[in-house]
C-alpha atoms as a PDB file:
ATOM      1  CA  UNK A   1      -0.061   0.128  -0.086  1.00  0.00           C
ATOM      2  CA  UNK A   2       1.125   3.552  -0.906  1.00  0.00           C
ATOM      3  CA  UNK A   3       2.195   5.155   2.481  1.00  0.00           C
ATOM      4  CA  UNK A   4       0.722   8.332   1.339  1.00  0.00           C
ATOM      5  CA  UNK A   5      -2.726   6.572   0.996  1.00  0.00           C
ATOM      6  CA  UNK A   6      -2.523   4.823   4.545  1.00  0.00           C
ATOM      7  CA  UNK A   7      -4.864   7.452   5.976  1.00  0.00           C
ATOM      8  CA  UNK A   8      -7.607   6.101   3.896  1.00  0.00           C
ATOM      9  CA  UNK A   9      -7.248   2.549   5.065  1.00  0.00           C
ATOM     10  CA  UNK A  10      -7.150   3.950   8.684  1.00  0.00           C
ATOM     11  CA  UNK A  11     -10.350   5.951   8.082  1.00  0.00           C
ATOM     12  CA  UNK A  12     -12.328   3.246   6.200  1.00  0.00           C
ATOM     13  CA  UNK A  13     -10.820  -0.087   7.575  1.00  0.00           C
ATOM     14  CA  UNK A  14     -10.021  -1.094   3.962  1.00  0.00           C
ATOM     15  CA  UNK A  15      -7.647  -3.998   3.708  1.00  0.00           C
ATOM     16  CA  UNK A  16      -5.877  -2.438   0.904  1.00  0.00           C
ATOM     17  CA  UNK A  17      -5.744   1.006  -0.899  1.00  0.00           C
ATOM     18  CA  UNK A  18      -4.309   1.455  -4.473  1.00  0.00           C
ATOM     19  CA  UNK A  19      -4.225   4.666  -6.291  1.00  0.00           C
ATOM     20  CA  UNK A  20      -6.243   4.731  -9.775  1.00  0.00           C
ATOM     21  CA  UNK A  21      -6.153   7.359 -12.459  1.00  0.00           C
ATOM     22  CA  UNK A  22      -6.184  10.998 -11.975  1.00  0.00           C
ATOM     23  CA  UNK A  23      -9.605  12.694 -12.583  1.00  0.00           C
ATOM     24  CA  UNK A  24      -8.342  16.289 -12.816  1.00  0.00           C
ATOM     25  CA  UNK A  25      -5.781  18.865 -11.339  1.00  0.00           C
ATOM     26  CA  UNK A  26      -7.213  21.556  -9.168  1.00  0.00           C
ATOM     27  CA  UNK A  27      -7.371  25.098 -10.173  1.00  0.00           C
ATOM     28  CA  UNK A  28      -3.857  26.811 -10.241  1.00  0.00           C
ATOM     29  CA  UNK A  29      -2.032  23.824  -9.161  1.00  0.00           C
ATOM     30  CA  UNK A  30      -3.530  23.468  -5.819  1.00  0.00           C
ATOM     31  CA  UNK A  31      -3.817  19.627  -5.886  1.00  0.00           C
ATOM     32  CA  UNK A  32      -5.694  16.903  -7.669  1.00  0.00           C
ATOM     33  CA  UNK A  33      -8.477  14.749  -7.722  1.00  0.00           C
ATOM     34  CA  UNK A  34      -8.050  11.169  -8.247  1.00  0.00           C
ATOM     35  CA  UNK A  35      -9.733   7.683  -7.846  1.00  0.00           C
ATOM     36  CA  UNK A  36      -8.551   4.916  -5.427  1.00  0.00           C
ATOM     37  CA  UNK A  37      -9.464   1.326  -5.545  1.00  0.00           C
ATOM     38  CA  UNK A  38     -10.174  -0.523  -1.996  1.00  0.00           C
ATOM     39  CA  UNK A  39     -10.740  -3.956  -0.738  1.00  0.00           C
ATOM     40  CA  UNK A  40     -12.301  -5.359   2.360  1.00  0.00           C
ATOM     41  CA  UNK A  41     -15.209  -2.706   2.678  1.00  0.00           C
ATOM     42  CA  UNK A  42     -18.470  -2.403   0.799  1.00  0.00           C
ATOM     43  CA  UNK A  43     -17.348   0.273  -1.547  1.00  0.00           C
ATOM     44  CA  UNK A  44     -14.598  -0.910  -4.019  1.00  0.00           C
ATOM     45  CA  UNK A  45     -13.638   2.639  -5.030  1.00  0.00           C
ATOM     46  CA  UNK A  46     -13.723   6.328  -3.836  1.00  0.00           C
ATOM     47  CA  UNK A  47     -12.539   9.753  -4.974  1.00  0.00           C
ATOM     48  CA  UNK A  48      -9.858  11.691  -3.251  1.00  0.00           C
ATOM     49  CA  UNK A  49      -9.490  15.554  -3.502  1.00  0.00           C
ATOM     50  CA  UNK A  50      -6.385  16.249  -2.116  1.00  0.00           C
ATOM     51  CA  UNK A  51      -5.704  19.936  -1.728  1.00  0.00           C
ATOM     52  CA  UNK A  52      -2.112  20.979  -1.496  1.00  0.00           C
ATOM     53  CA  UNK A  53      -1.167  24.614  -2.513  1.00  0.00           C
ATOM     54  CA  UNK A  54       2.054  25.173  -4.325  1.00  0.00           C
ATOM     55  CA  UNK A  55       4.926  26.364  -2.406  1.00  0.00           C
ATOM     56  CA  UNK A  56       5.754  29.093  -4.820  1.00  0.00           C
ATOM     57  CA  UNK A  57       2.898  31.568  -6.040  1.00  0.00           C
ATOM     58  CA  UNK A  58       2.828  34.600  -7.977  1.00  0.00           C
ATOM     59  CA  UNK A  59       3.624  37.893  -6.155  1.00  0.00           C
ATOM     60  CA  UNK A  60       0.534  39.742  -5.128  1.00  0.00           C
ATOM     61  CA  UNK A  61      -1.407  36.478  -4.909  1.00  0.00           C
ATOM     62  CA  UNK A  62      -2.216  36.756  -1.215  1.00  0.00           C
ATOM     63  CA  UNK A  63      -5.942  37.705  -1.422  1.00  0.00           C
ATOM     64  CA  UNK A  64      -6.536  35.124  -4.262  1.00  0.00           C
ATOM     65  CA  UNK A  65      -4.696  32.455  -2.120  1.00  0.00           C
ATOM     66  CA  UNK A  66      -6.856  33.328   0.947  1.00  0.00           C
ATOM     67  CA  UNK A  67      -9.937  32.982  -1.093  1.00  0.00           C
ATOM     68  CA  UNK A  68      -9.024  29.587  -2.366  1.00  0.00           C
ATOM     69  CA  UNK A  69      -7.858  28.275   1.145  1.00  0.00           C
ATOM     70  CA  UNK A  70     -11.198  29.627   2.604  1.00  0.00           C
ATOM     71  CA  UNK A  71     -13.158  27.879  -0.210  1.00  0.00           C
ATOM     72  CA  UNK A  72     -11.918  24.394   1.004  1.00  0.00           C
ATOM     73  CA  UNK A  73     -12.947  25.158   4.356  1.00  0.00           C
ATOM     74  CA  UNK A  74     -16.159  26.222   3.172  1.00  0.00           C
ATOM     75  CA  UNK A  75     -16.483  22.857   1.183  1.00  0.00           C
ATOM     76  CA  UNK A  76     -15.547  20.723   4.213  1.00  0.00           C
ATOM     77  CA  UNK A  77     -18.285  22.447   6.321  1.00  0.00           C
ATOM     78  CA  UNK A  78     -20.946  21.876   3.536  1.00  0.00           C
ATOM     79  CA  UNK A  79     -20.143  18.184   3.296  1.00  0.00           C
ATOM     80  CA  UNK A  80     -19.903  17.439   7.208  1.00  0.00           C
ATOM     81  CA  UNK A  81     -22.826  19.830   8.156  1.00  0.00           C
ATOM     82  CA  UNK A  82     -25.344  20.155   5.306  1.00  0.00           C
ATOM     83  CA  UNK A  83     -24.851  17.555   2.489  1.00  0.00           C
ATOM     84  CA  UNK A  84     -26.935  14.903   4.251  1.00  0.00           C
ATOM     85  CA  UNK A  85     -30.022  17.085   3.743  1.00  0.00           C
ATOM     86  CA  UNK A  86     -29.853  16.732  -0.024  1.00  0.00           C
ATOM     87  CA  UNK A  87     -31.037  13.016  -0.244  1.00  0.00           C
ATOM     88  CA  UNK A  88     -31.924  11.717  -3.572  1.00  0.00           C
ATOM     89  CA  UNK A  89     -33.771  14.659  -4.748  1.00  0.00           C
ATOM     90  CA  UNK A  90     -30.597  16.892  -5.272  1.00  0.00           C
ATOM     91  CA  UNK A  91     -27.958  14.078  -5.305  1.00  0.00           C
ATOM     92  CA  UNK A  92     -24.444  14.926  -4.007  1.00  0.00           C
ATOM     93  CA  UNK A  93     -21.469  12.571  -3.239  1.00  0.00           C
ATOM     94  CA  UNK A  94     -21.061  11.244   0.285  1.00  0.00           C
ATOM     95  CA  UNK A  95     -18.292  12.227   2.293  1.00  0.00           C
ATOM     96  CA  UNK A  96     -16.491   9.245   3.690  1.00  0.00           C
ATOM     97  CA  UNK A  97     -13.835  11.082   5.624  1.00  0.00           C
ATOM     98  CA  UNK A  98     -12.224  14.561   5.830  1.00  0.00           C
ATOM     99  CA  UNK A  99      -8.898  15.741   7.409  1.00  0.00           C
ATOM    100  CA  UNK A 100      -6.978  18.951   7.482  1.00  0.00           C
ATOM    101  CA  UNK A 101      -3.326  19.477   8.375  1.00  0.00           C
ATOM    102  CA  UNK A 102      -1.949  23.071   8.043  1.00  0.00           C
ATOM    103  CA  UNK A 103      -2.442  24.093   4.366  1.00  0.00           C
ATOM    104  CA  UNK A 104      -3.545  20.530   3.245  1.00  0.00           C
ATOM    105  CA  UNK A 105      -7.128  19.525   2.878  1.00  0.00           C
ATOM    106  CA  UNK A 106      -8.131  15.676   2.160  1.00  0.00           C
ATOM    107  CA  UNK A 107     -11.344  14.687   1.252  1.00  0.00           C
ATOM    108  CA  UNK A 108     -12.623  11.140   0.688  1.00  0.00           C
ATOM    109  CA  UNK A 109     -15.752  11.155  -1.523  1.00  0.00           C
ATOM    110  CA  UNK A 110     -18.104   8.579  -2.780  1.00  0.00           C
ATOM    111  CA  UNK A 111     -17.276   7.451  -6.423  1.00  0.00           C
ATOM    112  CA  UNK A 112     -20.434   8.905  -8.312  1.00  0.00           C
ATOM    113  CA  UNK A 113     -19.515   6.947 -11.283  1.00  0.00           C
ATOM    114  CA  UNK A 114     -19.830   3.736  -9.397  1.00  0.00           C
ATOM    115  CA  UNK A 115     -22.962   5.083  -7.974  1.00  0.00           C
ATOM    116  CA  UNK A 116     -24.497   5.348 -11.560  1.00  0.00           C
ATOM    117  CA  UNK A 117     -23.631   9.044 -12.333  1.00  0.00           C
ATOM    118  CA  UNK A 118     -20.802   8.347 -14.790  1.00  0.00           C
ATOM    119  CA  UNK A 119     -22.196  10.861 -17.453  1.00  0.00           C
ATOM    120  CA  UNK A 120     -20.243  13.890 -18.369  1.00  0.00           C
ATOM    121  CA  UNK A 121     -21.042  16.740 -20.649  1.00  0.00           C
ATOM    122  CA  UNK A 122     -19.191  19.568 -22.445  1.00  0.00           C
ATOM    123  CA  UNK A 123     -22.382  20.616 -24.091  1.00  0.00           C
ATOM    124  CA  UNK A 124     -26.231  20.287 -22.862  1.00  0.00           C
ATOM    125  CA  UNK A 125     -29.044  19.453 -24.802  1.00  0.00           C
ATOM    126  CA  UNK A 126     -32.423  21.416 -24.001  1.00  0.00           C
ATOM    127  CA  UNK A 127     -33.527  18.338 -22.025  1.00  0.00           C
ATOM    128  CA  UNK A 128     -30.116  18.045 -20.014  1.00  0.00           C
ATOM    129  CA  UNK A 129     -30.312  21.871 -19.237  1.00  0.00           C
ATOM    130  CA  UNK A 130     -33.866  21.083 -17.752  1.00  0.00           C
ATOM    131  CA  UNK A 131     -32.543  18.239 -15.614  1.00  0.00           C
ATOM    132  CA  UNK A 132     -29.739  20.437 -14.252  1.00  0.00           C
ATOM    133  CA  UNK A 133     -32.266  23.330 -13.605  1.00  0.00           C
ATOM    134  CA  UNK A 134     -34.537  20.753 -11.712  1.00  0.00           C
ATOM    135  CA  UNK A 135     -31.591  19.803  -9.572  1.00  0.00           C
ATOM    136  CA  UNK A 136     -30.943  23.443  -8.818  1.00  0.00           C
ATOM    137  CA  UNK A 137     -34.647  23.897  -8.061  1.00  0.00           C
ATOM    138  CA  UNK A 138     -34.597  20.998  -5.491  1.00  0.00           C
ATOM    139  CA  UNK A 139     -31.477  22.203  -3.922  1.00  0.00           C
ATOM    140  CA  UNK A 140     -32.847  25.840  -3.600  1.00  0.00           C
ATOM    141  CA  UNK A 141     -36.027  24.352  -2.204  1.00  0.00           C
ATOM    142  CA  UNK A 142     -33.968  22.331   0.313  1.00  0.00           C
ATOM    143  CA  UNK A 143     -32.024  25.249   1.809  1.00  0.00           C
ATOM    144  CA  UNK A 144     -34.699  27.893   1.413  1.00  0.00           C
ATOM    145  CA  UNK A 145     -34.545  30.620   4.227  1.00  0.00           C
ATOM    146  CA  UNK A 146     -31.578  28.730   6.029  1.00  0.00           C
ATOM    147  CA  UNK A 147     -28.525  30.510   7.359  1.00  0.00           C
ATOM    148  CA  UNK A 148     -25.273  29.468   5.788  1.00  0.00           C
ATOM    149  CA  UNK A 149     -23.542  29.095   8.825  1.00  0.00           C
ATOM    150  CA  UNK A 150     -19.505  28.215   8.180  1.00  0.00           C
ATOM    151  CA  UNK A 151     -20.348  28.819   4.442  1.00  0.00           C
ATOM    152  CA  UNK A 152     -19.730  31.939   2.265  1.00  0.00           C
ATOM    153  CA  UNK A 153     -22.103  34.590   3.711  1.00  0.00           C
ATOM    154  CA  UNK A 154     -22.762  35.434  -0.139  1.00  0.00           C
ATOM    155  CA  UNK A 155     -22.164  32.431  -2.346  1.00  0.00           C
ATOM    156  CA  UNK A 156     -20.756  32.322  -5.828  1.00  0.00           C
ATOM    157  CA  UNK A 157     -17.031  32.829  -6.772  1.00  0.00           C
ATOM    158  CA  UNK A 158     -17.723  36.044  -8.631  1.00  0.00           C
ATOM    159  CA  UNK A 159     -19.684  38.351  -6.430  1.00  0.00           C
ATOM    160  CA  UNK A 160     -18.408  41.773  -6.042  1.00  0.00           C
ATOM    161  CA  UNK A 161     -17.066  41.833  -2.503  1.00  0.00           C
ATOM    162  CA  UNK A 162     -14.490  39.339  -3.393  1.00  0.00           C
ATOM    163  CA  UNK A 163     -13.773  40.466  -6.986  1.00  0.00           C
ATOM    164  CA  UNK A 164     -12.537  44.236  -6.464  1.00  0.00           C
ATOM    165  CA  UNK A 165      -9.594  43.674  -8.759  1.00  0.00           C
ATOM    166  CA  UNK A 166     -11.901  42.507 -11.528  1.00  0.00           C
ATOM    167  CA  UNK A 167     -14.073  45.451 -10.939  1.00  0.00           C
ATOM    168  CA  UNK A 168     -11.167  47.965 -11.353  1.00  0.00           C
ATOM    169  CA  UNK A 169     -10.362  46.403 -14.854  1.00  0.00           C
ATOM    170  CA  UNK A 170     -13.631  47.091 -16.295  1.00  0.00           C
ATOM    171  CA  UNK A 171     -13.216  49.690 -19.085  1.00  0.00           C
ATOM    172  CA  UNK A 172     -16.755  50.429 -19.593  1.00  0.00           C
ATOM    173  CA  UNK A 173     -17.428  53.197 -16.923  1.00  0.00           C
ATOM    174  CA  UNK A 174     -21.301  52.573 -17.086  1.00  0.00           C
ATOM    175  CA  UNK A 175     -20.855  48.975 -16.193  1.00  0.00           C
ATOM    176  CA  UNK A 176     -18.315  49.689 -13.560  1.00  0.00           C
ATOM    177  CA  UNK A 177     -20.693  52.092 -11.956  1.00  0.00           C
ATOM    178  CA  UNK A 178     -23.661  49.669 -12.319  1.00  0.00           C
ATOM    179  CA  UNK A 179     -21.783  46.758 -10.385  1.00  0.00           C
ATOM    180  CA  UNK A 180     -22.604  47.994  -7.169  1.00  0.00           C
ATOM    181  CA  UNK A 181     -26.275  48.401  -8.344  1.00  0.00           C
ATOM    182  CA  UNK A 182     -26.552  44.835  -9.499  1.00  0.00           C
ATOM    183  CA  UNK A 183     -24.717  43.507  -6.374  1.00  0.00           C
ATOM    184  CA  UNK A 184     -26.936  45.673  -3.943  1.00  0.00           C
ATOM    185  CA  UNK A 185     -30.204  44.379  -5.590  1.00  0.00           C
ATOM    186  CA  UNK A 186     -29.112  40.673  -5.412  1.00  0.00           C
ATOM    187  CA  UNK A 187     -28.018  41.076  -1.783  1.00  0.00           C
ATOM    188  CA  UNK A 188     -31.313  42.822  -0.909  1.00  0.00           C
ATOM    189  CA  UNK A 189     -33.547  39.838  -2.086  1.00  0.00           C
ATOM    190  CA  UNK A 190     -36.143  39.140   0.369  1.00  0.00           C
ATOM    191  CA  UNK A 191     -36.021  35.230  -0.319  1.00  0.00           C
ATOM    192  CA  UNK A 192     -32.698  33.740  -0.151  1.00  0.00           C
ATOM    193  CA  UNK A 193     -31.464  30.137   0.061  1.00  0.00           C
ATOM    194  CA  UNK A 194     -28.208  28.376  -0.568  1.00  0.00           C
ATOM    195  CA  UNK A 195     -26.677  28.720  -4.087  1.00  0.00           C
ATOM    196  CA  UNK A 196     -24.157  26.025  -5.346  1.00  0.00           C
ATOM    197  CA  UNK A 197     -21.817  28.916  -6.400  1.00  0.00           C
ATOM    198  CA  UNK A 198     -20.235  27.197  -9.352  1.00  0.00           C
ATOM    199  CA  UNK A 199     -23.253  25.637 -11.307  1.00  0.00           C
ATOM    200  CA  UNK A 200     -21.382  24.964 -14.622  1.00  0.00           C
ATOM    201  CA  UNK A 201     -21.941  22.092 -16.996  1.00  0.00           C
ATOM    202  CA  UNK A 202     -18.727  20.464 -15.765  1.00  0.00           C
ATOM    203  CA  UNK A 203     -19.762  20.106 -12.085  1.00  0.00           C
ATOM    204  CA  UNK A 204     -22.894  17.985 -13.104  1.00  0.00           C
ATOM    205  CA  UNK A 205     -22.855  14.224 -13.405  1.00  0.00           C
ATOM    206  CA  UNK A 206     -25.407  12.368 -15.335  1.00  0.00           C
ATOM    207  CA  UNK A 207     -27.229   8.975 -14.793  1.00  0.00           C
ATOM    208  CA  UNK A 208     -27.790   7.849 -18.309  1.00  0.00           C
ATOM    209  CA  UNK A 209     -30.122   5.097 -17.454  1.00  0.00           C
ATOM    210  CA  UNK A 210     -32.694   6.971 -15.381  1.00  0.00           C
ATOM    211  CA  UNK A 211     -32.511  10.704 -16.282  1.00  0.00           C
ATOM    212  CA  UNK A 212     -30.955  11.778 -13.005  1.00  0.00           C
ATOM    213  CA  UNK A 213     -28.155  13.935 -12.111  1.00  0.00           C
ATOM    214  CA  UNK A 214     -25.846  14.650  -9.177  1.00  0.00           C
ATOM    215  CA  UNK A 215     -23.494  17.776  -8.588  1.00  0.00           C
ATOM    216  CA  UNK A 216     -19.957  18.157  -7.277  1.00  0.00           C
ATOM    217  CA  UNK A 217     -17.621  20.999  -6.185  1.00  0.00           C
ATOM    218  CA  UNK A 218     -19.047  23.007  -3.413  1.00  0.00           C
ATOM    219  CA  UNK A 219     -16.355  25.317  -2.676  1.00  0.00           C
ATOM    220  CA  UNK A 220     -18.375  28.411  -3.273  1.00  0.00           C
ATOM    221  CA  UNK A 221     -21.723  27.220  -1.759  1.00  0.00           C
ATOM    222  CA  UNK A 222     -23.455  30.112   0.360  1.00  0.00           C
ATOM    223  CA  UNK A 223     -26.312  32.298   0.834  1.00  0.00           C
ATOM    224  CA  UNK A 224     -28.129  34.145  -1.802  1.00  0.00           C
ATOM    225  CA  UNK A 225     -30.637  34.405  -4.586  1.00  0.00           C
ATOM    226  CA  UNK A 226     -31.145  31.132  -6.577  1.00  0.00           C
ATOM    227  CA  UNK A 227     -31.140  33.014  -9.708  1.00  0.00           C
ATOM    228  CA  UNK A 228     -27.211  33.338  -9.612  1.00  0.00           C
ATOM    229  CA  UNK A 229     -27.132  29.753  -9.982  1.00  0.00           C
ATOM    230  CA  UNK A 230     -29.715  29.611 -12.772  1.00  0.00           C
ATOM    231  CA  UNK A 231     -28.196  32.447 -14.760  1.00  0.00           C
ATOM    232  CA  UNK A 232     -24.716  30.952 -14.525  1.00  0.00           C
ATOM    233  CA  UNK A 233     -25.943  27.622 -15.688  1.00  0.00           C
ATOM    234  CA  UNK A 234     -27.759  29.129 -18.788  1.00  0.00           C
ATOM    235  CA  UNK A 235     -24.621  31.373 -19.686  1.00  0.00           C
ATOM    236  CA  UNK A 236     -22.419  28.077 -20.032  1.00  0.00           C
ATOM    237  CA  UNK A 237     -23.418  27.194 -23.369  1.00  0.00           C
ATOM    238  CA  UNK A 238     -21.445  27.853 -26.705  1.00  0.00           C
ATOM    239  CA  UNK A 239     -24.263  29.766 -28.226  1.00  0.00           C
ATOM    240  CA  UNK A 240     -26.702  32.154 -26.550  1.00  0.00           C
ATOM    241  CA  UNK A 241     -30.310  30.733 -25.908  1.00  0.00           C
ATOM    242  CA  UNK A 242     -33.112  32.429 -27.652  1.00  0.00           C
ATOM    243  CA  UNK A 243     -35.483  34.295 -25.476  1.00  0.00           C
ATOM    244  CA  UNK A 244     -38.179  31.752 -25.962  1.00  0.00           C
ATOM    245  CA  UNK A 245     -35.792  28.934 -25.027  1.00  0.00           C
ATOM    246  CA  UNK A 246     -34.563  31.125 -22.154  1.00  0.00           C
ATOM    247  CA  UNK A 247     -38.196  31.679 -20.898  1.00  0.00           C
ATOM    248  CA  UNK A 248     -39.066  27.963 -21.242  1.00  0.00           C
ATOM    249  CA  UNK A 249     -36.114  26.904 -19.169  1.00  0.00           C
ATOM    250  CA  UNK A 250     -37.095  29.552 -16.339  1.00  0.00           C
ATOM    251  CA  UNK A 251     -40.609  28.239 -16.387  1.00  0.00           C
ATOM    252  CA  UNK A 252     -39.443  24.546 -16.094  1.00  0.00           C
ATOM    253  CA  UNK A 253     -37.213  25.578 -13.017  1.00  0.00           C
ATOM    254  CA  UNK A 254     -39.875  27.673 -11.329  1.00  0.00           C
ATOM    255  CA  UNK A 255     -42.393  24.634 -11.718  1.00  0.00           C
ATOM    256  CA  UNK A 256     -39.961  22.438 -10.166  1.00  0.00           C
ATOM    257  CA  UNK A 257     -39.268  24.782  -7.234  1.00  0.00           C
ATOM    258  CA  UNK A 258     -42.845  25.162  -6.499  1.00  0.00           C
ATOM    259  CA  UNK A 259     -43.218  21.446  -6.529  1.00  0.00           C
ATOM    260  CA  UNK A 260     -40.374  20.846  -4.188  1.00  0.00           C
ATOM    261  CA  UNK A 261     -40.906  23.699  -1.519  1.00  0.00           C
ATOM    262  CA  UNK A 262     -41.529  22.310   1.845  1.00  0.00           C
ATOM    263  CA  UNK A 263     -40.737  25.563   3.930  1.00  0.00           C
ATOM    264  CA  UNK A 264     -43.643  27.991   4.609  1.00  0.00           C
ATOM    265  CA  UNK A 265     -42.882  30.537   1.736  1.00  0.00           C
ATOM    266  CA  UNK A 266     -45.203  32.698  -0.304  1.00  0.00           C
ATOM    267  CA  UNK A 267     -44.193  30.951  -3.383  1.00  0.00           C
ATOM    268  CA  UNK A 268     -45.926  33.517  -5.775  1.00  0.00           C
ATOM    269  CA  UNK A 269     -44.019  36.464  -4.177  1.00  0.00           C
ATOM    270  CA  UNK A 270     -40.841  34.522  -4.454  1.00  0.00           C
ATOM    271  CA  UNK A 271     -41.345  33.636  -8.043  1.00  0.00           C
ATOM    272  CA  UNK A 272     -42.037  37.228  -8.876  1.00  0.00           C
ATOM    273  CA  UNK A 273     -39.042  38.639  -7.008  1.00  0.00           C
ATOM    274  CA  UNK A 274     -36.695  35.820  -8.486  1.00  0.00           C
ATOM    275  CA  UNK A 275     -37.834  36.434 -11.973  1.00  0.00           C
ATOM    276  CA  UNK A 276     -37.269  40.028 -11.787  1.00  0.00           C
ATOM    277  CA  UNK A 277     -33.720  39.399 -10.413  1.00  0.00           C
ATOM    278  CA  UNK A 278     -32.931  36.846 -13.111  1.00  0.00           C
ATOM    279  CA  UNK A 279     -31.612  39.366 -15.583  1.00  0.00           C
ATOM    280  CA  UNK A 280     -29.804  41.275 -12.839  1.00  0.00           C
ATOM    281  CA  UNK A 281     -27.986  37.872 -11.785  1.00  0.00           C
ATOM    282  CA  UNK A 282     -27.131  37.447 -15.431  1.00  0.00           C
ATOM    283  CA  UNK A 283     -25.599  41.008 -15.770  1.00  0.00           C
ATOM    284  CA  UNK A 284     -23.590  40.504 -12.559  1.00  0.00           C
ATOM    285  CA  UNK A 285     -21.952  37.379 -13.744  1.00  0.00           C
ATOM    286  CA  UNK A 286     -20.962  39.260 -17.085  1.00  0.00           C
ATOM    287  CA  UNK A 287     -19.847  42.109 -14.908  1.00  0.00           C
ATOM    288  CA  UNK A 288     -17.257  39.843 -13.471  1.00  0.00           C
ATOM    289  CA  UNK A 289     -16.344  38.547 -16.852  1.00  0.00           C
ATOM    290  CA  UNK A 290     -15.808  42.100 -18.171  1.00  0.00           C
ATOM    291  CA  UNK A 291     -13.011  42.588 -15.559  1.00  0.00           C
ATOM    292  CA  UNK A 292     -11.770  38.902 -15.656  1.00  0.00           C
ATOM    293  CA  UNK A 293     -11.603  38.315 -19.268  1.00  0.00           C
ATOM    294  CA  UNK A 294     -11.974  41.712 -21.181  1.00  0.00           C
ATOM    295  CA  UNK A 295     -11.228  40.308 -24.488  1.00  0.00           C
ATOM    296  CA  UNK A 296     -14.016  37.726 -24.285  1.00  0.00           C
ATOM    297  CA  UNK A 297     -16.398  40.443 -22.910  1.00  0.00           C
ATOM    298  CA  UNK A 298     -15.385  42.845 -25.901  1.00  0.00           C
ATOM    299  CA  UNK A 299     -16.598  40.252 -28.574  1.00  0.00           C
ATOM    300  CA  UNK A 300     -19.527  38.833 -26.593  1.00  0.00           C
ATOM    301  CA  UNK A 301     -22.556  40.807 -28.238  1.00  0.00           C
ATOM    302  CA  UNK A 302     -24.943  38.730 -26.312  1.00  0.00           C
ATOM    303  CA  UNK A 303     -23.449  39.349 -22.998  1.00  0.00           C
ATOM    304  CA  UNK A 304     -23.518  43.284 -23.537  1.00  0.00           C
ATOM    305  CA  UNK A 305     -27.016  43.324 -24.538  1.00  0.00           C
ATOM    306  CA  UNK A 306     -27.907  41.326 -21.421  1.00  0.00           C
ATOM    307  CA  UNK A 307     -26.137  43.765 -19.425  1.00  0.00           C
ATOM    308  CA  UNK A 308     -27.798  46.801 -21.092  1.00  0.00           C
ATOM    309  CA  UNK A 309     -31.232  45.280 -20.395  1.00  0.00           C
ATOM    310  CA  UNK A 310     -30.560  44.913 -16.717  1.00  0.00           C
ATOM    311  CA  UNK A 311     -29.134  48.580 -16.498  1.00  0.00           C
ATOM    312  CA  UNK A 312     -32.465  49.854 -18.219  1.00  0.00           C
ATOM    313  CA  UNK A 313     -34.349  47.671 -15.411  1.00  0.00           C
ATOM    314  CA  UNK A 314     -32.498  49.426 -12.721  1.00  0.00           C
ATOM    315  CA  UNK A 315     -32.997  52.679 -14.228  1.00  0.00           C
ATOM    316  CA  UNK A 316     -36.369  52.308 -15.050  1.00  0.00           C
END
């Protein structure tokens, strides 16, 4: 047994632990995710997320490094304190074990491939978009009105308070001025839940035989308006959705949200507020992109039109 994997045997009681293939590297060289094969226990495989920040980092990286480290603390709290609430309705991987030592975080997760969620996508069909939106609706319903204790107070990786450097890089003065308005409107939402915070296509796993999905990567889970997740997912597409398709996807999301809600909530008021906030949430993400990837923003006419609509909405 690889001595570096002995902690897994100790945590699970496995007779042997063998390293399998790498699944992916973590952002900015902060570690890796890989599969392990086990014997002597009920599950034959598991997934390790081993976070070990690089010793050498770019100058001026202190705030980014602190944000990344905080994100792994948040992820550990999420899985240990909240993930069990999800159940089968908004499926996530089970956490078998977690430990932290200094600036190393080690997660041992259920292998979702072995659990039947082996499908991965780079582009979604309309039906698959709806499946992901239904996952988000059930997730938002599950945590409606809860306080994000130990998580990000404001979920998502792009919210304004944590992205001041990108704000300063926005060339468009009107957009830079509107950023605080977008942020304020979203933060003042009456109805809040937990948002996944990084609801892109790559973070959904599909069960091909039964139409179900599971989600991974909860580093930026926290409080907020559910439209942040919805707008982000619908923006993660190679070509813009037509207004009719976008409206149909939103209708599907809200139908599922209504069906899944169990908390005592004025559902009509919630839907009214969130539908009004959808274009603001969309514009807020594009605001981040305008500072983070200005070249992409400059050639994305659809994004600019979306921001213009949101700015008119706020001004009118």
